[in-house]
Amino acid sequence: MKTYLDNLRPQENRLVVGVAVMAFVVLNFWFVVPHFSDWERVGFRRQKAEEKLALYRNEIAQLKSYNAQIKELSSDAYQVPAED
C-alpha cells in the first residue's frame, strides 16, 4: 500500500515537506512565542509561594511556645463569673 508521499516526485515531496515545516514554524511563532513571558510570572508566583510556606512553617514551629504562653496567661487571669 502506497502512501501519499510515495506517489509524489522528489521535487513535489520536498515542496510538501517544506510547506509543512513552514506551517509548523508559523504556528509556533503564533501560539508558543507569546507565552515565553509566562515563565517569569510562574517564577514570581513560585517565589512568593515559597516565602509564604516558610512563614507558615515558622509559625507552626512556634506553636509550642504559643501554647505555653496561653497557659501562663490564662492561669494568671481573674475568673469572670458566668452571666445569669
PDB file of N, CA and C in Angstrom:
ATOM      1  N   MET A   1       0.848  -1.175   0.000  1.00  0.00           N
ATOM      2  CA  MET A   1       0.000   0.000   0.000  1.00  0.00           C
ATOM      3  C   MET A   1       0.897   1.242   0.000  1.00  0.00           C
ATOM      4  N   LYS A   2       0.676   2.128  -0.924  1.00  0.00           N
ATOM      5  CA  LYS A   2       1.480   3.331  -1.062  1.00  0.00           C
ATOM      6  C   LYS A   2       0.811   4.492  -0.320  1.00  0.00           C
ATOM      7  N   THR A   3       1.647   5.300   0.310  1.00  0.00           N
ATOM      8  CA  THR A   3       1.131   6.485   0.980  1.00  0.00           C
ATOM      9  C   THR A   3       1.123   7.656  -0.001  1.00  0.00           C
ATOM     10  N   TYR A   4       0.620   8.762   0.478  1.00  0.00           N
ATOM     11  CA  TYR A   4       0.508   9.944  -0.373  1.00  0.00           C
ATOM     12  C   TYR A   4       1.884  10.430  -0.823  1.00  0.00           C
ATOM     13  N   LEU A   5       2.862  10.420   0.096  1.00  0.00           N
ATOM     14  CA  LEU A   5       4.198  10.916  -0.253  1.00  0.00           C
ATOM     15  C   LEU A   5       4.942   9.980  -1.202  1.00  0.00           C
ATOM     16  N   ASP A   6       4.577   8.715  -1.236  1.00  0.00           N
ATOM     17  CA  ASP A   6       5.222   7.782  -2.161  1.00  0.00           C
ATOM     18  C   ASP A   6       4.793   8.026  -3.609  1.00  0.00           C
ATOM     19  N   ASN A   7       3.638   8.638  -3.816  1.00  0.00           N
ATOM     20  CA  ASN A   7       3.127   8.893  -5.156  1.00  0.00           C
ATOM     21  C   ASN A   7       3.691  10.178  -5.775  1.00  0.00           C
ATOM     22  N   LEU A   8       4.428  10.958  -4.994  1.00  0.00           N
ATOM     23  CA  LEU A   8       4.941  12.236  -5.487  1.00  0.00           C
ATOM     24  C   LEU A   8       6.360  12.075  -6.025  1.00  0.00           C
ATOM     25  N   ARG A   9       6.699  12.992  -6.937  1.00  0.00           N
ATOM     26  CA  ARG A   9       8.074  13.044  -7.431  1.00  0.00           C
ATOM     27  C   ARG A   9       8.948  13.715  -6.373  1.00  0.00           C
ATOM     28  N   PRO A  10      10.256  13.595  -6.443  1.00  0.00           N
ATOM     29  CA  PRO A  10      11.130  14.149  -5.398  1.00  0.00           C
ATOM     30  C   PRO A  10      10.951  15.651  -5.175  1.00  0.00           C
ATOM     31  N   GLN A  11      10.794  16.414  -6.235  1.00  0.00           N
ATOM     32  CA  GLN A  11      10.621  17.862  -6.082  1.00  0.00           C
ATOM     33  C   GLN A  11       9.296  18.172  -5.387  1.00  0.00           C
ATOM     34  N   GLU A  12       8.239  17.455  -5.727  1.00  0.00           N
ATOM     35  CA  GLU A  12       6.944  17.659  -5.084  1.00  0.00           C
ATOM     36  C   GLU A  12       7.011  17.236  -3.618  1.00  0.00           C
ATOM     37  N   ASN A  13       7.746  16.177  -3.359  1.00  0.00           N
ATOM     38  CA  ASN A  13       7.913  15.708  -1.992  1.00  0.00           C
ATOM     39  C   ASN A  13       8.613  16.771  -1.138  1.00  0.00           C
ATOM     40  N   ARG A  14       9.650  17.381  -1.684  1.00  0.00           N
ATOM     41  CA  ARG A  14      10.355  18.453  -0.981  1.00  0.00           C
ATOM     42  C   ARG A  14       9.436  19.643  -0.725  1.00  0.00           C
ATOM     43  N   LEU A  15       8.615  19.967  -1.714  1.00  0.00           N
ATOM     44  CA  LEU A  15       7.688  21.091  -1.567  1.00  0.00           C
ATOM     45  C   LEU A  15       6.682  20.826  -0.439  1.00  0.00           C
ATOM     46  N   VAL A  16       6.138  19.629  -0.378  1.00  0.00           N
ATOM     47  CA  VAL A  16       5.160  19.294   0.665  1.00  0.00           C
ATOM     48  C   VAL A  16       5.814  19.356   2.046  1.00  0.00           C
ATOM     49  N   VAL A  17       7.028  18.806   2.152  1.00  0.00           N
ATOM     50  CA  VAL A  17       7.730  18.836   3.441  1.00  0.00           C
ATOM     51  C   VAL A  17       8.094  20.275   3.807  1.00  0.00           C
ATOM     52  N   GLY A  18       8.532  21.079   2.848  1.00  0.00           N
ATOM     53  CA  GLY A  18       8.860  22.483   3.111  1.00  0.00           C
ATOM     54  C   GLY A  18       7.650  23.275   3.581  1.00  0.00           C
ATOM     55  N   VAL A  19       6.501  23.066   2.950  1.00  0.00           N
ATOM     56  CA  VAL A  19       5.274  23.757   3.365  1.00  0.00           C
ATOM     57  C   VAL A  19       4.886  23.324   4.772  1.00  0.00           C
ATOM     58  N   ALA A  20       5.033  22.036   5.079  1.00  0.00           N
ATOM     59  CA  ALA A  20       4.700  21.546   6.418  1.00  0.00           C
ATOM     60  C   ALA A  20       5.623  22.165   7.473  1.00  0.00           C
ATOM     61  N   VAL A  21       6.906  22.274   7.148  1.00  0.00           N
ATOM     62  CA  VAL A  21       7.855  22.878   8.094  1.00  0.00           C
ATOM     63  C   VAL A  21       7.539  24.350   8.291  1.00  0.00           C
ATOM     64  N   MET A  22       7.255  25.057   7.218  1.00  0.00           N
ATOM     65  CA  MET A  22       6.906  26.480   7.343  1.00  0.00           C
ATOM     66  C   MET A  22       5.630  26.669   8.149  1.00  0.00           C
ATOM     67  N   ALA A  23       4.646  25.813   7.927  1.00  0.00           N
ATOM     68  CA  ALA A  23       3.408  25.900   8.706  1.00  0.00           C
ATOM     69  C   ALA A  23       3.700  25.659  10.185  1.00  0.00           C
ATOM     70  N   PHE A  24       4.573  24.693  10.473  1.00  0.00           N
ATOM     71  CA  PHE A  24       4.951  24.437  11.857  1.00  0.00           C
ATOM     72  C   PHE A  24       5.634  25.649  12.478  1.00  0.00           C
ATOM     73  N   VAL A  25       6.536  26.282  11.753  1.00  0.00           N
ATOM     74  CA  VAL A  25       7.261  27.446  12.273  1.00  0.00           C
ATOM     75  C   VAL A  25       6.300  28.611  12.509  1.00  0.00           C
ATOM     76  N   VAL A  26       5.409  28.854  11.567  1.00  0.00           N
ATOM     77  CA  VAL A  26       4.456  29.955  11.715  1.00  0.00           C
ATOM     78  C   VAL A  26       3.531  29.706  12.907  1.00  0.00           C
ATOM     79  N   LEU A  27       3.016  28.490  13.037  1.00  0.00           N
ATOM     80  CA  LEU A  27       2.144  28.183  14.170  1.00  0.00           C
ATOM     81  C   LEU A  27       2.898  28.275  15.490  1.00  0.00           C
ATOM     82  N   ASN A  28       4.164  27.893  15.475  1.00  0.00           N
ATOM     83  CA  ASN A  28       4.976  28.000  16.672  1.00  0.00           C
ATOM     84  C   ASN A  28       5.134  29.465  17.088  1.00  0.00           C
ATOM     85  N   PHE A  29       5.454  30.338  16.135  1.00  0.00           N
ATOM     86  CA  PHE A  29       5.581  31.759  16.461  1.00  0.00           C
ATOM     87  C   PHE A  29       4.247  32.373  16.856  1.00  0.00           C
ATOM     88  N   TRP A  30       3.179  31.879  16.318  1.00  0.00           N
ATOM     89  CA  TRP A  30       1.859  32.439  16.594  1.00  0.00           C
ATOM     90  C   TRP A  30       1.350  32.024  17.972  1.00  0.00           C
ATOM     91  N   PHE A  31       1.530  30.753  18.353  1.00  0.00           N
ATOM     92  CA  PHE A  31       0.953  30.262  19.593  1.00  0.00           C
ATOM     93  C   PHE A  31       1.941  30.120  20.744  1.00  0.00           C
ATOM     94  N   VAL A  32       3.191  29.811  20.493  1.00  0.00           N
ATOM     95  CA  VAL A  32       4.129  29.482  21.560  1.00  0.00           C
ATOM     96  C   VAL A  32       4.949  30.692  21.997  1.00  0.00           C
ATOM     97  N   VAL A  33       5.499  31.429  21.092  1.00  0.00           N
ATOM     98  CA  VAL A  33       6.410  32.526  21.423  1.00  0.00           C
ATOM     99  C   VAL A  33       5.752  33.584  22.312  1.00  0.00           C
ATOM    100  N   PRO A  34       4.493  33.951  22.144  1.00  0.00           N
ATOM    101  CA  PRO A  34       3.901  34.948  23.051  1.00  0.00           C
ATOM    102  C   PRO A  34       3.841  34.492  24.510  1.00  0.00           C
ATOM    103  N   HIS A  35       3.953  33.208  24.759  1.00  0.00           N
ATOM    104  CA  HIS A  35       3.852  32.699  26.126  1.00  0.00           C
ATOM    105  C   HIS A  35       5.207  32.520  26.803  1.00  0.00           C
ATOM    106  N   PHE A  36       6.281  32.974  26.197  1.00  0.00           N
ATOM    107  CA  PHE A  36       7.590  32.880  26.839  1.00  0.00           C
ATOM    108  C   PHE A  36       7.641  33.728  28.107  1.00  0.00           C
ATOM    109  N   SER A  37       6.910  34.827  28.147  1.00  0.00           N
ATOM    110  CA  SER A  37       6.915  35.680  29.333  1.00  0.00           C
ATOM    111  C   SER A  37       6.175  35.041  30.499  1.00  0.00           C
ATOM    112  N   ASP A  38       5.408  33.991  30.264  1.00  0.00           N
ATOM    113  CA  ASP A  38       4.696  33.314  31.340  1.00  0.00           C
ATOM    114  C   ASP A  38       5.656  32.679  32.334  1.00  0.00           C
ATOM    115  N   TRP A  39       6.851  32.296  31.888  1.00  0.00           N
ATOM    116  CA  TRP A  39       7.813  31.691  32.794  1.00  0.00           C
ATOM    117  C   TRP A  39       8.224  32.668  33.880  1.00  0.00           C
ATOM    118  N   GLU A  40       8.314  33.936  33.550  1.00  0.00           N
ATOM    119  CA  GLU A  40       8.678  34.940  34.552  1.00  0.00           C
ATOM    120  C   GLU A  40       7.593  35.042  35.614  1.00  0.00           C
ATOM    121  N   ARG A  41       6.337  35.057  35.171  1.00  0.00           N
ATOM    122  CA  ARG A  41       5.227  35.118  36.125  1.00  0.00           C
ATOM    123  C   ARG A  41       5.167  33.866  36.989  1.00  0.00           C
ATOM    124  N   VAL A  42       5.423  32.709  36.383  1.00  0.00           N
ATOM    125  CA  VAL A  42       5.406  31.464  37.144  1.00  0.00           C
ATOM    126  C   VAL A  42       6.519  31.474  38.190  1.00  0.00           C
ATOM    127  N   GLY A  43       7.680  31.950  37.809  1.00  0.00           N
ATOM    128  CA  GLY A  43       8.789  32.043  38.756  1.00  0.00           C
ATOM    129  C   GLY A  43       8.480  32.984  39.910  1.00  0.00           C
ATOM    130  N   PHE A  44       7.842  34.115  39.609  1.00  0.00           N
ATOM    131  CA  PHE A  44       7.477  35.068  40.648  1.00  0.00           C
ATOM    132  C   PHE A  44       6.446  34.461  41.597  1.00  0.00           C
ATOM    133  N   ARG A  45       5.445  33.783  41.034  1.00  0.00           N
ATOM    134  CA  ARG A  45       4.422  33.155  41.878  1.00  0.00           C
ATOM    135  C   ARG A  45       5.022  32.047  42.738  1.00  0.00           C
ATOM    136  N   ARG A  46       5.969  31.305  42.180  1.00  0.00           N
ATOM    137  CA  ARG A  46       6.607  30.236  42.942  1.00  0.00           C
ATOM    138  C   ARG A  46       7.423  30.806  44.091  1.00  0.00           C
ATOM    139  N   GLN A  47       8.170  31.876  43.832  1.00  0.00           N
ATOM    140  CA  GLN A  47       8.964  32.507  44.875  1.00  0.00           C
ATOM    141  C   GLN A  47       8.060  33.026  45.990  1.00  0.00           C
ATOM    142  N   LYS A  48       6.963  33.642  45.612  1.00  0.00           N
ATOM    143  CA  LYS A  48       6.018  34.167  46.593  1.00  0.00           C
ATOM    144  C   LYS A  48       5.408  33.039  47.425  1.00  0.00           C
ATOM    145  N   ALA A  49       5.071  31.924  46.788  1.00  0.00           N
ATOM    146  CA  ALA A  49       4.502  30.780  47.497  1.00  0.00           C
ATOM    147  C   ALA A  49       5.523  30.155  48.447  1.00  0.00           C
ATOM    148  N   GLU A  50       6.788  30.088  48.032  1.00  0.00           N
ATOM    149  CA  GLU A  50       7.823  29.538  48.905  1.00  0.00           C
ATOM    150  C   GLU A  50       8.047  30.430  50.120  1.00  0.00           C
ATOM    151  N   GLU A  51       7.987  31.744  49.936  1.00  0.00           N
ATOM    152  CA  GLU A  51       8.127  32.663  51.067  1.00  0.00           C
ATOM    153  C   GLU A  51       6.963  32.496  52.042  1.00  0.00           C
ATOM    154  N   LYS A  52       5.761  32.356  51.509  1.00  0.00           N
ATOM    155  CA  LYS A  52       4.592  32.170  52.361  1.00  0.00           C
ATOM    156  C   LYS A  52       4.678  30.829  53.104  1.00  0.00           C
ATOM    157  N   LEU A  53       5.140  29.795  52.439  1.00  0.00           N
ATOM    158  CA  LEU A  53       5.301  28.488  53.063  1.00  0.00           C
ATOM    159  C   LEU A  53       6.326  28.543  54.196  1.00  0.00           C
ATOM    160  N   ALA A  54       7.421  29.253  53.983  1.00  0.00           N
ATOM    161  CA  ALA A  54       8.432  29.405  55.031  1.00  0.00           C
ATOM    162  C   ALA A  54       7.859  30.159  56.228  1.00  0.00           C
ATOM    163  N   LEU A  55       7.050  31.169  55.967  1.00  0.00           N
ATOM    164  CA  LEU A  55       6.414  31.928  57.039  1.00  0.00           C
ATOM    165  C   LEU A  55       5.468  31.029  57.836  1.00  0.00           C
ATOM    166  N   TYR A  56       4.668  30.228  57.149  1.00  0.00           N
ATOM    167  CA  TYR A  56       3.740  29.330  57.833  1.00  0.00           C
ATOM    168  C   TYR A  56       4.492  28.267  58.639  1.00  0.00           C
ATOM    169  N   ARG A  57       5.548  27.723  58.080  1.00  0.00           N
ATOM    170  CA  ARG A  57       6.327  26.716  58.812  1.00  0.00           C
ATOM    171  C   ARG A  57       6.981  27.323  60.051  1.00  0.00           C
ATOM    172  N   ASN A  58       7.402  28.569  59.954  1.00  0.00           N
ATOM    173  CA  ASN A  58       7.983  29.253  61.097  1.00  0.00           C
ATOM    174  C   ASN A  58       6.938  29.429  62.199  1.00  0.00           C
ATOM    175  N   GLU A  59       5.741  29.804  61.847  1.00  0.00           N
ATOM    176  CA  GLU A  59       4.674  29.974  62.840  1.00  0.00           C
ATOM    177  C   GLU A  59       4.281  28.639  63.454  1.00  0.00           C
ATOM    178  N   ILE A  60       4.245  27.579  62.661  1.00  0.00           N
ATOM    179  CA  ILE A  60       3.914  26.250  63.184  1.00  0.00           C
ATOM    180  C   ILE A  60       4.998  25.782  64.148  1.00  0.00           C
ATOM    181  N   ALA A  61       6.259  26.119  63.866  1.00  0.00           N
ATOM    182  CA  ALA A  61       7.350  25.740  64.755  1.00  0.00           C
ATOM    183  C   ALA A  61       7.238  26.445  66.104  1.00  0.00           C
ATOM    184  N   GLN A  62       6.627  27.603  66.153  1.00  0.00           N
ATOM    185  CA  GLN A  62       6.480  28.358  67.397  1.00  0.00           C
ATOM    186  C   GLN A  62       5.203  28.005  68.148  1.00  0.00           C
ATOM    187  N   LEU A  63       4.468  27.008  67.710  1.00  0.00           N
ATOM    188  CA  LEU A  63       3.186  26.650  68.303  1.00  0.00           C
ATOM    189  C   LEU A  63       3.332  26.238  69.766  1.00  0.00           C
ATOM    190  N   LYS A  64       4.382  25.489  70.104  1.00  0.00           N
ATOM    191  CA  LYS A  64       4.569  25.060  71.498  1.00  0.00           C
ATOM    192  C   LYS A  64       4.774  26.259  72.419  1.00  0.00           C
ATOM    193  N   SER A  65       5.555  27.232  71.978  1.00  0.00           N
ATOM    194  CA  SER A  65       5.770  28.407  72.822  1.00  0.00           C
ATOM    195  C   SER A  65       4.491  29.224  72.952  1.00  0.00           C
ATOM    196  N   TYR A  66       3.679  29.269  71.909  1.00  0.00           N
ATOM    197  CA  TYR A  66       2.397  29.975  71.997  1.00  0.00           C
ATOM    198  C   TYR A  66       1.466  29.293  72.989  1.00  0.00           C
ATOM    199  N   ASN A  67       1.416  27.957  72.951  1.00  0.00           N
ATOM    200  CA  ASN A  67       0.553  27.229  73.888  1.00  0.00           C
ATOM    201  C   ASN A  67       1.023  27.431  75.325  1.00  0.00           C
ATOM    202  N   ALA A  68       2.341  27.468  75.544  1.00  0.00           N
ATOM    203  CA  ALA A  68       2.864  27.714  76.890  1.00  0.00           C
ATOM    204  C   ALA A  68       2.492  29.116  77.364  1.00  0.00           C
ATOM    205  N   GLN A  69       2.570  30.084  76.485  1.00  0.00           N
ATOM    206  CA  GLN A  69       2.190  31.455  76.858  1.00  0.00           C
ATOM    207  C   GLN A  69       0.699  31.548  77.152  1.00  0.00           C
ATOM    208  N   ILE A  70      -0.119  30.835  76.395  1.00  0.00           N
ATOM    209  CA  ILE A  70      -1.570  30.852  76.635  1.00  0.00           C
ATOM    210  C   ILE A  70      -1.873  30.259  78.003  1.00  0.00           C
ATOM    211  N   LYS A  71      -1.235  29.143  78.347  1.00  0.00           N
ATOM    212  CA  LYS A  71      -1.463  28.532  79.661  1.00  0.00           C
ATOM    213  C   LYS A  71      -0.999  29.455  80.783  1.00  0.00           C
ATOM    214  N   GLU A  72       0.135  30.107  80.595  1.00  0.00           N
ATOM    215  CA  GLU A  72       0.650  31.020  81.617  1.00  0.00           C
ATOM    216  C   GLU A  72      -0.279  32.213  81.813  1.00  0.00           C
ATOM    217  N   LEU A  73      -0.739  32.776  80.725  1.00  0.00           N
ATOM    218  CA  LEU A  73      -1.611  33.947  80.825  1.00  0.00           C
ATOM    219  C   LEU A  73      -2.996  33.584  81.344  1.00  0.00           C
ATOM    220  N   SER A  74      -3.496  32.421  80.989  1.00  0.00           N
ATOM    221  CA  SER A  74      -4.832  32.041  81.447  1.00  0.00           C
ATOM    222  C   SER A  74      -4.818  31.652  82.923  1.00  0.00           C
ATOM    223  N   SER A  75      -3.705  31.187  83.461  1.00  0.00           N
ATOM    224  CA  SER A  75      -3.642  30.851  84.886  1.00  0.00           C
ATOM    225  C   SER A  75      -3.541  32.106  85.743  1.00  0.00           C
ATOM    226  N   ASP A  76      -2.977  33.174  85.234  1.00  0.00           N
ATOM    227  CA  ASP A  76      -2.851  34.422  85.986  1.00  0.00           C
ATOM    228  C   ASP A  76      -4.105  35.285  85.899  1.00  0.00           C
ATOM    229  N   ALA A  77      -4.988  34.967  85.000  1.00  0.00           N
ATOM    230  CA  ALA A  77      -6.147  35.835  84.774  1.00  0.00           C
ATOM    231  C   ALA A  77      -7.193  35.641  85.868  1.00  0.00           C
ATOM    232  N   TYR A  78      -7.979  36.680  86.056  1.00  0.00           N
ATOM    233  CA  TYR A  78      -9.088  36.606  87.011  1.00  0.00           C
ATOM    234  C   TYR A  78     -10.199  35.792  86.409  1.00  0.00           C
ATOM    235  N   GLN A  79     -10.893  35.103  87.277  1.00  0.00           N
ATOM    236  CA  GLN A  79     -12.047  34.331  86.832  1.00  0.00           C
ATOM    237  C   GLN A  79     -13.234  35.256  86.664  1.00  0.00           C
ATOM    238  N   VAL A  80     -13.867  35.235  85.522  1.00  0.00           N
ATOM    239  CA  VAL A  80     -15.027  36.041  85.261  1.00  0.00           C
ATOM    240  C   VAL A  80     -16.256  35.159  85.456  1.00  0.00           C
ATOM    241  N   PRO A  81     -17.157  35.554  86.363  1.00  0.00           N
ATOM    242  CA  PRO A  81     -18.328  34.705  86.581  1.00  0.00           C
ATOM    243  C   PRO A  81     -19.241  34.704  85.363  1.00  0.00           C
ATOM    244  N   ALA A  82     -19.934  33.583  85.156  1.00  0.00           N
ATOM    245  CA  ALA A  82     -20.845  33.467  84.030  1.00  0.00           C
ATOM    246  C   ALA A  82     -22.056  34.357  84.265  1.00  0.00           C
ATOM    247  N   GLU A  83     -22.608  34.881  83.246  1.00  0.00           N
ATOM    248  CA  GLU A  83     -23.774  35.749  83.323  1.00  0.00           C
ATOM    249  C   GLU A  83     -25.009  34.902  83.596  1.00  0.00           C
ATOM    250  N   ASP A  84     -25.821  35.321  84.543  1.00  0.00           N
ATOM    251  CA  ASP A  84     -27.050  34.578  84.857  1.00  0.00           C
ATOM    252  C   ASP A  84     -28.239  35.165  84.164  1.00  0.00           C
TER     253      ASP A  84
END
